[in-house]
Amino acid sequence: MDIPRALSVHSPIYDPALSARLRITVDGQVQRYAIAYDIDAGTVLRQAVNAEGKCIIVGDEIKHEWVRGLVEVTLIEATTPAS
């Protein structure tokens, strides 16, 4: 399975099952709550979190932030439950 070089939750090719198995990093740091990424542009759009790791809400909206650097996306292999 090919990993898209760029993907957004708003993209027509967005697949929630695939996206749940993607590990997105910027400069080696895992990006939680990623909304979009672009490997070639070196950008990730994610939900902003506070020091406790909780999403930051401004008014009625979740705050977003851009992270820039070396973006790497890998596929996490699906695991099967032990029987």
Protein backbone atom coordinates (compact mmCIF):
# COMPACT_ATOMS: atom_id res chain seq x y z
CA MET A 1 0.00 0.00 0.00
CA ASP A 2 1.40 3.37 -1.02
CA ILE A 3 1.34 6.13 1.57
CA PRO A 4 0.15 9.43 0.06
CA ARG A 5 2.84 12.15 -0.02
CA ALA A 6 0.19 14.59 1.19
CA LEU A 7 -3.12 13.92 2.92
CA SER A 8 -5.84 15.80 4.75
CA VAL A 9 -8.98 14.71 6.58
CA HIS A 10 -10.80 16.87 3.99
CA SER A 11 -9.21 15.10 1.00
CA PRO A 12 -11.43 13.03 -1.32
CA ILE A 13 -8.92 10.15 -0.96
CA TYR A 14 -9.01 10.27 2.86
CA ASP A 15 -9.52 6.78 4.32
CA PRO A 16 -10.08 6.69 8.11
CA ALA A 17 -8.93 3.06 8.32
CA LEU A 18 -5.63 3.86 6.59
CA SER A 19 -5.14 7.13 8.46
CA ALA A 20 -5.50 5.37 11.82
CA ARG A 21 -2.45 3.28 10.85
CA LEU A 22 -0.19 6.17 9.84
CA ARG A 23 2.65 7.30 12.11
CA ILE A 24 3.42 10.92 11.29
CA THR A 25 6.60 12.52 12.62
CA VAL A 26 8.28 15.90 12.25
CA ASP A 27 12.01 15.87 12.98
CA GLY A 28 11.50 12.50 14.67
CA GLN A 29 8.72 13.67 17.01
CA VAL A 30 5.37 11.86 16.70
CA GLN A 31 2.57 14.26 15.78
CA ARG A 32 -0.62 13.52 17.68
CA TYR A 33 -3.92 14.91 16.43
CA ALA A 34 -2.65 15.47 12.87
CA ILE A 35 -5.25 16.87 10.50
CA ALA A 36 -3.08 17.12 7.39
CA TYR A 37 0.47 16.52 6.27
CA ASP A 38 2.62 17.24 3.25
CA ILE A 39 5.91 15.36 3.09
CA ASP A 40 7.35 17.47 0.25
CA ALA A 41 6.43 20.81 1.85
CA GLY A 42 7.61 19.62 5.27
CA THR A 43 4.40 20.60 7.04
CA VAL A 44 1.87 19.06 9.41
CA LEU A 45 -1.35 20.73 10.53
CA ARG A 46 -2.44 19.44 13.92
CA GLN A 47 -4.73 20.26 16.79
CA ALA A 48 -2.90 22.38 19.35
CA VAL A 49 -2.53 20.93 22.85
CA ASN A 50 -1.65 22.42 26.23
CA ALA A 51 1.07 21.23 28.63
CA GLU A 52 -1.26 18.48 29.90
CA GLY A 53 -1.75 17.17 26.36
CA LYS A 54 -5.38 18.34 26.10
CA CYS A 55 -6.70 20.07 22.99
CA ILE A 56 -6.86 23.86 23.25
CA ILE A 57 -10.34 25.27 22.68
CA VAL A 58 -10.79 28.90 21.63
CA GLY A 59 -14.46 29.89 21.68
CA ASP A 60 -16.23 26.95 20.04
CA GLU A 61 -13.25 25.85 17.94
CA ILE A 62 -10.27 23.58 18.48
CA LYS A 63 -7.09 25.57 17.90
CA HIS A 64 -4.84 24.36 15.07
CA GLU A 65 -1.13 24.86 14.55
CA TRP A 66 1.41 24.22 11.80
CA VAL A 67 4.55 22.23 12.51
CA ARG A 68 7.42 22.40 10.02
CA GLY A 69 10.46 20.22 9.50
CA LEU A 70 11.36 16.81 8.12
CA VAL A 71 8.01 15.04 7.77
CA GLU A 72 8.08 11.24 7.70
CA VAL A 73 5.03 9.02 7.43
CA THR A 74 5.14 5.28 8.04
CA LEU A 75 2.50 2.60 8.07
CA ILE A 76 1.94 0.85 11.38
CA GLU A 77 1.35 -2.83 10.73
CA ALA A 78 -2.04 -4.11 11.80
CA THR A 79 -1.92 -6.51 14.70
CA THR A 80 -4.21 -9.43 15.23
CA PRO A 81 -5.53 -10.24 18.68
CA ALA A 82 -3.94 -13.23 20.40
CA SER A 83 -6.21 -16.24 20.48
